[in-house]
Amino acid sequence: MTSRELLYVKTIAEENSISKAAKKLYVAQPSLSQAIQKLEERLGTALFNRTTAGLSLTYAGERYYHMATQILKMYENFEIEISDINNLKTGRIHLGITNHLGTLILPETVKRFQEICPFVEILVTEDNTDGLEKRLLTGELDFVVMHAPSGIQYNKINYEILQRDPFVLVAASCHPLAQRSVITEGYPYPVLDIRLLEGEPMIRLHSGQRIRQVTDAVLKKAGILKVNTVMTLKNHTTAQLLAAKGVGITMVPLQYCRLTAEQEDEPLLFSIDNRYGAWWDMCIATLEDGFLSKADRLFIRCMKENLPNLSYQ
């Protein structure tokens, strides 16, 4: 059954006449009669009693009319709903984001988005990058805001780079390596040669975390294959606090250096020469053949317009 057949039967039943229904539907009367005949043949039963007084519905016809009325009403309501979705009067977006990026990105972005689309529901899933990528691949998420992997993880995912965030070294304010750092134009902090970390106590994050993967690659590029690890933990803030106390040196993204002014021990921060590739890129991950709704695209636009300044400058 097609929507046209449903409409044909409904209109004929309400007009009690094929000729009147044909005029209302703007179709030729022979074409309408032929369409109903073919439908009855396919169903194996008559839908109309044909008398000199006009047409009336058979029992099967009554059931068909009732069903046609309901389906056409549902279709009409759905078209209205789609129109509302397209005009952002309703709808839903489901995005994924890492925990820390959520604190940086979501407040201003959501505020701006809700000013434009107050009735579009926003569902947020917070997870690590691996978990978010897997959820994206299953279709659970529309898009993901995360840090791009150093290499291709999944061929079906596109990564649109938004912003680069450099890594810095965090050490105690009295650390002797401060004397060997060099103030360099274009860097916010004195640059410390990574090779000087050979043998230095290091505070590192767990190997499954992307920060650790970046820092390991930087140390390897500097020729440091055996790292003097004094502590391994999961929380980058704790790592910075410990570094400020002189437990060891840690390496974190610049955007993660959020130690408050109330801290008794203010750490030293060192920039890293760009040749070591000490950075990661914030990105939007989407499925290669996926579909982004109008609401998705607007949310992403609001996010791009409200990105925090993560660069050196």
C-alpha atoms as a PDB file:
ATOM      1  CA  MET A   1       0.000   0.000   0.000  1.00  0.00           C
ATOM      2  CA  THR A   2       1.267   3.436  -0.917  1.00  0.00           C
ATOM      3  CA  SER A   3       0.385   6.785   0.587  1.00  0.00           C
ATOM      4  CA  ARG A   4      -1.360   7.637  -2.701  1.00  0.00           C
ATOM      5  CA  GLU A   5      -3.604   4.557  -2.453  1.00  0.00           C
ATOM      6  CA  LEU A   6      -4.448   5.415   1.152  1.00  0.00           C
ATOM      7  CA  LEU A   7      -5.406   8.927   0.099  1.00  0.00           C
ATOM      8  CA  TYR A   8      -7.455   7.644  -2.855  1.00  0.00           C
ATOM      9  CA  VAL A   9      -9.594   5.339  -0.712  1.00  0.00           C
ATOM     10  CA  LYS A  10     -10.021   7.934   2.044  1.00  0.00           C
ATOM     11  CA  THR A  11     -11.134  10.638  -0.391  1.00  0.00           C
ATOM     12  CA  ILE A  12     -13.561   8.383  -2.311  1.00  0.00           C
ATOM     13  CA  ALA A  13     -15.118   7.201   0.950  1.00  0.00           C
ATOM     14  CA  GLU A  14     -15.621  10.761   2.160  1.00  0.00           C
ATOM     15  CA  GLU A  15     -17.003  11.992  -1.189  1.00  0.00           C
ATOM     16  CA  ASN A  16     -19.096   8.844  -1.867  1.00  0.00           C
ATOM     17  CA  SER A  17     -18.216   9.338  -5.509  1.00  0.00           C
ATOM     18  CA  ILE A  18     -15.266   8.575  -7.739  1.00  0.00           C
ATOM     19  CA  SER A  19     -15.964  11.566  -9.958  1.00  0.00           C
ATOM     20  CA  LYS A  20     -16.070  13.992  -7.013  1.00  0.00           C
ATOM     21  CA  ALA A  21     -12.966  12.389  -5.503  1.00  0.00           C
ATOM     22  CA  ALA A  22     -11.153  12.678  -8.843  1.00  0.00           C
ATOM     23  CA  LYS A  23     -11.860  16.404  -8.991  1.00  0.00           C
ATOM     24  CA  LYS A  24     -10.701  16.894  -5.405  1.00  0.00           C
ATOM     25  CA  LEU A  25      -7.525  14.900  -6.034  1.00  0.00           C
ATOM     26  CA  TYR A  26      -6.854  16.550  -9.411  1.00  0.00           C
ATOM     27  CA  VAL A  27      -6.602  13.201 -11.195  1.00  0.00           C
ATOM     28  CA  ALA A  28      -8.511  11.826 -14.178  1.00  0.00           C
ATOM     29  CA  GLN A  29     -11.571   9.759 -13.216  1.00  0.00           C
ATOM     30  CA  PRO A  30     -10.534   6.715 -15.339  1.00  0.00           C
ATOM     31  CA  SER A  31      -7.092   6.705 -13.710  1.00  0.00           C
ATOM     32  CA  LEU A  32      -8.623   6.812 -10.222  1.00  0.00           C
ATOM     33  CA  SER A  33     -11.093   4.002 -11.052  1.00  0.00           C
ATOM     34  CA  GLN A  34      -8.283   1.887 -12.459  1.00  0.00           C
ATOM     35  CA  ALA A  35      -6.092   2.478  -9.377  1.00  0.00           C
ATOM     36  CA  ILE A  36      -8.885   1.351  -7.014  1.00  0.00           C
ATOM     37  CA  GLN A  37      -9.606  -1.707  -9.150  1.00  0.00           C
ATOM     38  CA  LYS A  38      -5.953  -2.755  -9.086  1.00  0.00           C
ATOM     39  CA  LEU A  39      -5.820  -2.232  -5.302  1.00  0.00           C
ATOM     40  CA  GLU A  40      -8.922  -4.402  -4.779  1.00  0.00           C
ATOM     41  CA  GLU A  41      -7.458  -7.107  -7.013  1.00  0.00           C
ATOM     42  CA  ARG A  42      -4.230  -7.093  -5.082  1.00  0.00           C
ATOM     43  CA  LEU A  43      -6.060  -7.260  -1.741  1.00  0.00           C
ATOM     44  CA  GLY A  44      -8.424  -9.943  -3.010  1.00  0.00           C
ATOM     45  CA  THR A  45     -11.532  -8.160  -1.763  1.00  0.00           C
ATOM     46  CA  ALA A  46     -13.827  -5.263  -2.684  1.00  0.00           C
ATOM     47  CA  LEU A  47     -13.496  -2.029  -0.766  1.00  0.00           C
ATOM     48  CA  PHE A  48     -16.626  -0.354  -2.165  1.00  0.00           C
ATOM     49  CA  ASN A  49     -20.191  -1.392  -2.887  1.00  0.00           C
ATOM     50  CA  ARG A  50     -21.081   0.075  -6.264  1.00  0.00           C
ATOM     51  CA  THR A  51     -24.800   0.964  -6.538  1.00  0.00           C
ATOM     52  CA  THR A  52     -26.918   3.360  -8.550  1.00  0.00           C
ATOM     53  CA  ALA A  53     -27.035   5.563  -5.441  1.00  0.00           C
ATOM     54  CA  GLY A  54     -23.243   5.813  -5.385  1.00  0.00           C
ATOM     55  CA  LEU A  55     -20.441   4.135  -3.514  1.00  0.00           C
ATOM     56  CA  SER A  56     -20.448   2.810   0.015  1.00  0.00           C
ATOM     57  CA  LEU A  57     -17.733   1.036   1.960  1.00  0.00           C
ATOM     58  CA  THR A  58     -17.721  -2.712   2.435  1.00  0.00           C
ATOM     59  CA  TYR A  59     -16.623  -4.078   5.818  1.00  0.00           C
ATOM     60  CA  ALA A  60     -13.095  -4.484   4.433  1.00  0.00           C
ATOM     61  CA  GLY A  61     -13.394  -0.978   3.032  1.00  0.00           C
ATOM     62  CA  GLU A  62     -14.367   0.404   6.441  1.00  0.00           C
ATOM     63  CA  ARG A  63     -11.325  -1.220   7.999  1.00  0.00           C
ATOM     64  CA  TYR A  64      -9.114   0.126   5.188  1.00  0.00           C
ATOM     65  CA  TYR A  65     -10.592   3.630   5.582  1.00  0.00           C
ATOM     66  CA  HIS A  66      -9.990   3.600   9.334  1.00  0.00           C
ATOM     67  CA  MET A  67      -6.397   2.457   8.843  1.00  0.00           C
ATOM     68  CA  ALA A  68      -5.799   4.976   6.018  1.00  0.00           C
ATOM     69  CA  THR A  69      -7.077   7.833   8.175  1.00  0.00           C
ATOM     70  CA  GLN A  70      -4.753   6.927  11.016  1.00  0.00           C
ATOM     71  CA  ILE A  71      -1.679   6.441   8.819  1.00  0.00           C
ATOM     72  CA  LEU A  72      -2.214   9.648   6.870  1.00  0.00           C
ATOM     73  CA  LYS A  73      -2.653  11.572  10.120  1.00  0.00           C
ATOM     74  CA  MET A  74       0.561  10.066  11.479  1.00  0.00           C
ATOM     75  CA  TYR A  75       2.321  10.998   8.268  1.00  0.00           C
ATOM     76  CA  GLU A  76       0.993  14.560   8.479  1.00  0.00           C
ATOM     77  CA  ASN A  77       2.152  14.860  12.092  1.00  0.00           C
ATOM     78  CA  PHE A  78       5.551  13.475  11.134  1.00  0.00           C
ATOM     79  CA  GLU A  79       5.908  16.043   8.354  1.00  0.00           C
ATOM     80  CA  ILE A  80       5.142  18.782  10.887  1.00  0.00           C
ATOM     81  CA  GLU A  81       7.710  17.317  13.279  1.00  0.00           C
ATOM     82  CA  ILE A  82      10.337  17.143  10.528  1.00  0.00           C
ATOM     83  CA  SER A  83       9.571  20.752   9.661  1.00  0.00           C
ATOM     84  CA  ASP A  84      10.081  21.707  13.321  1.00  0.00           C
ATOM     85  CA  ILE A  85      13.363  19.761  13.416  1.00  0.00           C
ATOM     86  CA  ASN A  86      14.575  21.442  10.239  1.00  0.00           C
ATOM     87  CA  ASN A  87      13.653  24.823  11.685  1.00  0.00           C
ATOM     88  CA  LEU A  88      15.294  23.909  15.021  1.00  0.00           C
ATOM     89  CA  LYS A  89      12.038  24.215  16.980  1.00  0.00           C
ATOM     90  CA  THR A  90      12.625  20.750  18.405  1.00  0.00           C
ATOM     91  CA  GLY A  91      15.117  17.922  18.153  1.00  0.00           C
ATOM     92  CA  ARG A  92      18.013  16.275  19.919  1.00  0.00           C
ATOM     93  CA  ILE A  93      21.760  16.085  19.536  1.00  0.00           C
ATOM     94  CA  HIS A  94      23.983  13.489  21.199  1.00  0.00           C
ATOM     95  CA  LEU A  95      27.640  14.414  21.458  1.00  0.00           C
ATOM     96  CA  GLY A  96      30.625  12.882  23.173  1.00  0.00           C
ATOM     97  CA  ILE A  97      33.428  14.785  24.869  1.00  0.00           C
ATOM     98  CA  THR A  98      36.352  14.059  27.168  1.00  0.00           C
ATOM     99  CA  ASN A  99      35.963  15.137  30.789  1.00  0.00           C
ATOM    100  CA  HIS A 100      38.466  17.983  30.765  1.00  0.00           C
ATOM    101  CA  LEU A 101      37.419  19.365  27.386  1.00  0.00           C
ATOM    102  CA  GLY A 102      33.861  19.356  28.685  1.00  0.00           C
ATOM    103  CA  THR A 103      34.812  21.866  31.386  1.00  0.00           C
ATOM    104  CA  LEU A 104      36.553  24.074  28.814  1.00  0.00           C
ATOM    105  CA  ILE A 105      34.129  23.855  25.907  1.00  0.00           C
ATOM    106  CA  LEU A 106      30.597  23.151  27.083  1.00  0.00           C
ATOM    107  CA  PRO A 107      29.661  26.112  29.356  1.00  0.00           C
ATOM    108  CA  GLU A 108      29.944  28.874  26.753  1.00  0.00           C
ATOM    109  CA  THR A 109      28.928  26.681  23.815  1.00  0.00           C
ATOM    110  CA  VAL A 110      25.769  25.328  25.441  1.00  0.00           C
ATOM    111  CA  LYS A 111      24.794  28.793  26.647  1.00  0.00           C
ATOM    112  CA  ARG A 112      25.071  30.209  23.123  1.00  0.00           C
ATOM    113  CA  PHE A 113      23.336  27.222  21.516  1.00  0.00           C
ATOM    114  CA  GLN A 114      20.370  27.404  23.901  1.00  0.00           C
ATOM    115  CA  GLU A 115      19.932  31.091  23.155  1.00  0.00           C
ATOM    116  CA  ILE A 116      19.338  30.109  19.521  1.00  0.00           C
ATOM    117  CA  CYS A 117      17.619  26.723  19.987  1.00  0.00           C
ATOM    118  CA  PRO A 118      16.015  26.584  23.447  1.00  0.00           C
ATOM    119  CA  PHE A 119      13.923  23.489  22.654  1.00  0.00           C
ATOM    120  CA  VAL A 120      16.612  21.233  21.190  1.00  0.00           C
ATOM    121  CA  GLU A 121      17.676  18.615  23.729  1.00  0.00           C
ATOM    122  CA  ILE A 122      21.423  18.127  24.287  1.00  0.00           C
ATOM    123  CA  LEU A 123      22.659  14.715  25.407  1.00  0.00           C
ATOM    124  CA  VAL A 124      26.309  14.576  26.481  1.00  0.00           C
ATOM    125  CA  THR A 125      28.420  11.447  26.998  1.00  0.00           C
ATOM    126  CA  GLU A 126      31.724  11.927  28.811  1.00  0.00           C
ATOM    127  CA  ASP A 127      34.379   9.250  28.370  1.00  0.00           C
ATOM    128  CA  ASN A 128      38.020   8.814  27.417  1.00  0.00           C
ATOM    129  CA  THR A 129      38.990   9.113  23.770  1.00  0.00           C
ATOM    130  CA  ASP A 130      39.043   5.369  23.086  1.00  0.00           C
ATOM    131  CA  GLY A 131      35.568   4.930  24.564  1.00  0.00           C
ATOM    132  CA  LEU A 132      34.199   7.884  22.635  1.00  0.00           C
ATOM    133  CA  GLU A 133      35.605   6.621  19.329  1.00  0.00           C
ATOM    134  CA  LYS A 134      33.964   3.238  19.875  1.00  0.00           C
ATOM    135  CA  ARG A 135      30.608   4.856  20.709  1.00  0.00           C
ATOM    136  CA  LEU A 136      30.883   6.993  17.578  1.00  0.00           C
ATOM    137  CA  LEU A 137      31.488   3.914  15.431  1.00  0.00           C
ATOM    138  CA  THR A 138      28.345   2.213  16.810  1.00  0.00           C
ATOM    139  CA  GLY A 139      26.231   5.255  15.900  1.00  0.00           C
ATOM    140  CA  GLU A 140      25.456   6.111  19.525  1.00  0.00           C
ATOM    141  CA  LEU A 141      27.001   9.582  19.140  1.00  0.00           C
ATOM    142  CA  ASP A 142      26.495  12.206  16.426  1.00  0.00           C
ATOM    143  CA  PHE A 143      30.013  13.605  16.847  1.00  0.00           C
ATOM    144  CA  VAL A 144      32.841  13.717  19.391  1.00  0.00           C
ATOM    145  CA  VAL A 145      35.019  16.533  20.750  1.00  0.00           C
ATOM    146  CA  MET A 146      38.383  15.070  21.752  1.00  0.00           C
ATOM    147  CA  HIS A 147      42.111  15.146  21.134  1.00  0.00           C
ATOM    148  CA  ALA A 148      43.146  13.665  17.829  1.00  0.00           C
ATOM    149  CA  PRO A 149      45.265  10.500  17.890  1.00  0.00           C
ATOM    150  CA  SER A 150      48.848  10.695  16.664  1.00  0.00           C
ATOM    151  CA  GLY A 151      48.062   8.090  13.996  1.00  0.00           C
ATOM    152  CA  ILE A 152      44.944   6.746  12.315  1.00  0.00           C
ATOM    153  CA  GLN A 153      42.945   4.697  14.808  1.00  0.00           C
ATOM    154  CA  TYR A 154      39.883   3.911  12.731  1.00  0.00           C
ATOM    155  CA  ASN A 155      39.608   4.387   8.967  1.00  0.00           C
ATOM    156  CA  LYS A 156      35.899   5.228   9.248  1.00  0.00           C
ATOM    157  CA  ILE A 157      36.440   8.315  11.434  1.00  0.00           C
ATOM    158  CA  ASN A 158      37.270  11.818  10.187  1.00  0.00           C
ATOM    159  CA  TYR A 159      39.165  14.202  12.499  1.00  0.00           C
ATOM    160  CA  GLU A 160      38.701  17.935  11.902  1.00  0.00           C
ATOM    161  CA  ILE A 161      41.497  19.755  13.727  1.00  0.00           C
ATOM    162  CA  LEU A 162      40.261  22.796  15.647  1.00  0.00           C
ATOM    163  CA  GLN A 163      43.149  23.949  17.793  1.00  0.00           C
ATOM    164  CA  ARG A 164      46.664  22.941  18.796  1.00  0.00           C
ATOM    165  CA  ASP A 165      47.601  22.782  22.478  1.00  0.00           C
ATOM    166  CA  PRO A 166      51.332  22.671  23.325  1.00  0.00           C
ATOM    167  CA  PHE A 167      52.711  20.647  26.217  1.00  0.00           C
ATOM    168  CA  VAL A 168      54.845  22.203  28.961  1.00  0.00           C
ATOM    169  CA  LEU A 169      57.117  20.880  31.702  1.00  0.00           C
ATOM    170  CA  VAL A 170      56.106  21.475  35.322  1.00  0.00           C
ATOM    171  CA  ALA A 171      58.770  21.567  38.049  1.00  0.00           C
ATOM    172  CA  ALA A 172      59.354  22.982  41.527  1.00  0.00           C
ATOM    173  CA  SER A 173      60.160  26.694  41.706  1.00  0.00           C
ATOM    174  CA  CYS A 174      63.634  25.942  43.087  1.00  0.00           C
ATOM    175  CA  HIS A 175      64.543  23.304  40.482  1.00  0.00           C
ATOM    176  CA  PRO A 176      68.183  23.723  39.348  1.00  0.00           C
ATOM    177  CA  LEU A 177      67.287  23.109  35.680  1.00  0.00           C
ATOM    178  CA  ALA A 178      65.730  26.581  35.650  1.00  0.00           C
ATOM    179  CA  GLN A 179      69.219  27.985  35.249  1.00  0.00           C
ATOM    180  CA  ARG A 180      69.659  26.020  32.021  1.00  0.00           C
ATOM    181  CA  SER A 181      66.402  27.161  30.409  1.00  0.00           C
ATOM    182  CA  VAL A 182      66.481  29.818  27.697  1.00  0.00           C
ATOM    183  CA  ILE A 183      64.011  32.641  27.111  1.00  0.00           C
ATOM    184  CA  THR A 184      63.019  32.256  23.455  1.00  0.00           C
ATOM    185  CA  GLU A 185      60.823  34.442  21.273  1.00  0.00           C
ATOM    186  CA  GLY A 186      57.494  32.823  20.425  1.00  0.00           C
ATOM    187  CA  TYR A 187      57.329  30.714  23.591  1.00  0.00           C
ATOM    188  CA  PRO A 188      55.442  31.783  26.720  1.00  0.00           C
ATOM    189  CA  TYR A 189      57.953  30.236  29.123  1.00  0.00           C
ATOM    190  CA  PRO A 190      61.691  29.670  29.072  1.00  0.00           C
ATOM    191  CA  VAL A 191      62.535  26.743  26.793  1.00  0.00           C
ATOM    192  CA  LEU A 192      64.163  23.738  28.450  1.00  0.00           C
ATOM    193  CA  ASP A 193      65.970  21.201  26.283  1.00  0.00           C
ATOM    194  CA  ILE A 194      64.162  17.885  26.741  1.00  0.00           C
ATOM    195  CA  ARG A 195      67.491  16.041  26.622  1.00  0.00           C
ATOM    196  CA  LEU A 196      68.337  17.547  30.039  1.00  0.00           C
ATOM    197  CA  LEU A 197      65.630  15.333  31.561  1.00  0.00           C
ATOM    198  CA  GLU A 198      67.888  12.282  31.186  1.00  0.00           C
ATOM    199  CA  GLY A 199      68.005  10.707  34.651  1.00  0.00           C
ATOM    200  CA  GLU A 200      65.699  13.306  36.208  1.00  0.00           C
ATOM    201  CA  PRO A 201      62.853  11.994  38.424  1.00  0.00           C
ATOM    202  CA  MET A 202      59.662  12.019  36.350  1.00  0.00           C
ATOM    203  CA  ILE A 203      55.997  11.915  37.376  1.00  0.00           C
ATOM    204  CA  ARG A 204      54.048  10.197  34.599  1.00  0.00           C
ATOM    205  CA  LEU A 205      50.445   9.363  33.828  1.00  0.00           C
ATOM    206  CA  HIS A 206      49.236   5.844  33.051  1.00  0.00           C
ATOM    207  CA  SER A 207      50.175   4.375  29.670  1.00  0.00           C
ATOM    208  CA  GLY A 208      46.541   4.143  28.520  1.00  0.00           C
ATOM    209  CA  GLN A 209      46.087   7.919  28.732  1.00  0.00           C
ATOM    210  CA  ARG A 210      46.711  10.017  25.652  1.00  0.00           C
ATOM    211  CA  ILE A 211      48.822  12.533  27.603  1.00  0.00           C
ATOM    212  CA  ARG A 212      51.220   9.708  28.424  1.00  0.00           C
ATOM    213  CA  GLN A 213      51.328   8.615  24.792  1.00  0.00           C
ATOM    214  CA  VAL A 214      52.338  12.137  23.724  1.00  0.00           C
ATOM    215  CA  THR A 215      54.945  12.528  26.464  1.00  0.00           C
ATOM    216  CA  ASP A 216      56.468   9.105  25.703  1.00  0.00           C
ATOM    217  CA  ALA A 217      56.811  10.080  22.035  1.00  0.00           C
ATOM    218  CA  VAL A 218      58.504  13.365  22.995  1.00  0.00           C
ATOM    219  CA  LEU A 219      60.994  11.655  25.332  1.00  0.00           C
ATOM    220  CA  LYS A 220      61.749   9.019  22.714  1.00  0.00           C
ATOM    221  CA  LYS A 221      62.396  11.709  20.096  1.00  0.00           C
ATOM    222  CA  ALA A 222      64.821  13.322  22.537  1.00  0.00           C
ATOM    223  CA  GLY A 223      66.685  10.016  22.835  1.00  0.00           C
ATOM    224  CA  ILE A 224      65.532   9.269  26.386  1.00  0.00           C
ATOM    225  CA  LEU A 225      64.649   5.587  26.270  1.00  0.00           C
ATOM    226  CA  LYS A 226      65.011   4.802  29.965  1.00  0.00           C
ATOM    227  CA  VAL A 227      62.890   7.180  32.052  1.00  0.00           C
ATOM    228  CA  ASN A 228      63.472   7.618  35.776  1.00  0.00           C
ATOM    229  CA  THR A 229      59.824   7.255  36.800  1.00  0.00           C
ATOM    230  CA  VAL A 230      59.257   8.009  40.493  1.00  0.00           C
ATOM    231  CA  MET A 231      55.465   7.920  40.351  1.00  0.00           C
ATOM    232  CA  THR A 232      52.698   6.887  37.959  1.00  0.00           C
ATOM    233  CA  LEU A 233      49.170   8.173  38.475  1.00  0.00           C
ATOM    234  CA  LYS A 234      45.987   9.063  36.644  1.00  0.00           C
ATOM    235  CA  ASN A 235      45.224  12.639  37.680  1.00  0.00           C
ATOM    236  CA  HIS A 236      47.179  15.356  35.855  1.00  0.00           C
ATOM    237  CA  THR A 237      46.352  17.948  38.543  1.00  0.00           C
ATOM    238  CA  THR A 238      47.858  15.718  41.229  1.00  0.00           C
ATOM    239  CA  ALA A 239      50.928  15.277  39.027  1.00  0.00           C
ATOM    240  CA  GLN A 240      51.342  19.062  38.850  1.00  0.00           C
ATOM    241  CA  LEU A 241      50.912  19.490  42.600  1.00  0.00           C
ATOM    242  CA  LEU A 242      53.532  16.832  43.249  1.00  0.00           C
ATOM    243  CA  ALA A 243      55.876  18.448  40.738  1.00  0.00           C
ATOM    244  CA  ALA A 244      55.433  21.783  42.501  1.00  0.00           C
ATOM    245  CA  LYS A 245      56.511  20.084  45.737  1.00  0.00           C
ATOM    246  CA  GLY A 246      59.701  18.846  44.110  1.00  0.00           C
ATOM    247  CA  VAL A 247      58.772  15.163  43.836  1.00  0.00           C
ATOM    248  CA  GLY A 248      59.699  15.142  40.148  1.00  0.00           C
ATOM    249  CA  ILE A 249      59.058  16.792  36.799  1.00  0.00           C
ATOM    250  CA  THR A 250      55.865  16.177  34.851  1.00  0.00           C
ATOM    251  CA  MET A 251      54.731  17.045  31.321  1.00  0.00           C
ATOM    252  CA  VAL A 252      51.162  18.205  30.672  1.00  0.00           C
ATOM    253  CA  PRO A 253      49.224  20.210  28.058  1.00  0.00           C
ATOM    254  CA  LEU A 254      49.316  23.966  28.602  1.00  0.00           C
ATOM    255  CA  GLN A 255      45.533  24.099  28.900  1.00  0.00           C
ATOM    256  CA  TYR A 256      45.743  21.690  31.856  1.00  0.00           C
ATOM    257  CA  CYS A 257      47.913  24.070  33.890  1.00  0.00           C
ATOM    258  CA  ARG A 258      45.078  25.331  36.035  1.00  0.00           C
ATOM    259  CA  LEU A 259      46.742  25.430  39.456  1.00  0.00           C
ATOM    260  CA  THR A 260      45.053  28.152  41.495  1.00  0.00           C
ATOM    261  CA  ALA A 261      46.788  31.197  42.886  1.00  0.00           C
ATOM    262  CA  GLU A 262      46.036  29.931  46.407  1.00  0.00           C
ATOM    263  CA  GLN A 263      48.583  27.133  46.018  1.00  0.00           C
ATOM    264  CA  GLU A 264      51.454  27.613  48.447  1.00  0.00           C
ATOM    265  CA  ASP A 265      54.028  26.242  45.991  1.00  0.00           C
ATOM    266  CA  GLU A 266      53.780  27.887  42.583  1.00  0.00           C
ATOM    267  CA  PRO A 267      55.536  25.646  40.051  1.00  0.00           C
ATOM    268  CA  LEU A 268      57.913  26.569  37.270  1.00  0.00           C
ATOM    269  CA  LEU A 269      56.687  26.041  33.746  1.00  0.00           C
ATOM    270  CA  PHE A 270      59.038  25.361  30.842  1.00  0.00           C
ATOM    271  CA  SER A 271      58.189  25.452  27.164  1.00  0.00           C
ATOM    272  CA  ILE A 272      59.381  22.655  24.868  1.00  0.00           C
ATOM    273  CA  ASP A 273      61.052  23.233  21.528  1.00  0.00           C
ATOM    274  CA  ASN A 274      58.620  22.641  18.664  1.00  0.00           C
ATOM    275  CA  ARG A 275      61.016  20.201  16.999  1.00  0.00           C
ATOM    276  CA  TYR A 276      60.008  17.560  19.538  1.00  0.00           C
ATOM    277  CA  GLY A 277      56.332  17.689  18.526  1.00  0.00           C
ATOM    278  CA  ALA A 278      55.176  18.234  22.100  1.00  0.00           C
ATOM    279  CA  TRP A 279      51.518  19.022  21.480  1.00  0.00           C
ATOM    280  CA  TRP A 280      48.147  17.538  20.767  1.00  0.00           C
ATOM    281  CA  ASP A 281      45.270  18.766  18.625  1.00  0.00           C
ATOM    282  CA  MET A 282      41.706  19.283  19.744  1.00  0.00           C
ATOM    283  CA  CYS A 283      39.364  18.007  17.052  1.00  0.00           C
ATOM    284  CA  ILE A 284      35.824  17.079  16.088  1.00  0.00           C
ATOM    285  CA  ALA A 285      35.514  13.406  15.211  1.00  0.00           C
ATOM    286  CA  THR A 286      32.703  12.325  12.881  1.00  0.00           C
ATOM    287  CA  LEU A 287      31.889   9.177  10.958  1.00  0.00           C
ATOM    288  CA  GLU A 288      33.228   9.215   7.413  1.00  0.00           C
ATOM    289  CA  ASP A 289      29.801   8.413   5.933  1.00  0.00           C
ATOM    290  CA  GLY A 290      27.803   9.813   8.839  1.00  0.00           C
ATOM    291  CA  PHE A 291      25.084  12.471   8.792  1.00  0.00           C
ATOM    292  CA  LEU A 292      25.135  15.655  10.857  1.00  0.00           C
ATOM    293  CA  SER A 293      21.754  17.253  11.441  1.00  0.00           C
ATOM    294  CA  LYS A 294      21.163  20.975  11.189  1.00  0.00           C
ATOM    295  CA  ALA A 295      21.223  21.128  14.995  1.00  0.00           C
ATOM    296  CA  ASP A 296      24.547  19.238  15.102  1.00  0.00           C
ATOM    297  CA  ARG A 297      26.096  21.654  12.627  1.00  0.00           C
ATOM    298  CA  LEU A 298      24.833  24.687  14.528  1.00  0.00           C
ATOM    299  CA  PHE A 299      26.216  23.350  17.818  1.00  0.00           C
ATOM    300  CA  ILE A 300      29.614  22.804  16.202  1.00  0.00           C
ATOM    301  CA  ARG A 301      29.528  26.333  14.788  1.00  0.00           C
ATOM    302  CA  CYS A 302      28.727  27.756  18.246  1.00  0.00           C
ATOM    303  CA  MET A 303      31.611  25.742  19.675  1.00  0.00           C
ATOM    304  CA  LYS A 304      34.092  27.029  17.087  1.00  0.00           C
ATOM    305  CA  GLU A 305      33.014  30.608  17.771  1.00  0.00           C
ATOM    306  CA  ASN A 306      33.568  30.194  21.526  1.00  0.00           C
ATOM    307  CA  LEU A 307      36.807  28.199  21.620  1.00  0.00           C
ATOM    308  CA  PRO A 308      39.054  29.167  24.540  1.00  0.00           C
ATOM    309  CA  ASN A 309      42.508  30.497  23.688  1.00  0.00           C
ATOM    310  CA  LEU A 310      44.739  27.436  24.066  1.00  0.00           C
ATOM    311  CA  SER A 311      47.707  28.588  22.019  1.00  0.00           C
ATOM    312  CA  TYR A 312      50.985  30.080  23.185  1.00  0.00           C
ATOM    313  CA  GLN A 313      49.861  33.489  22.030  1.00  0.00           C
END
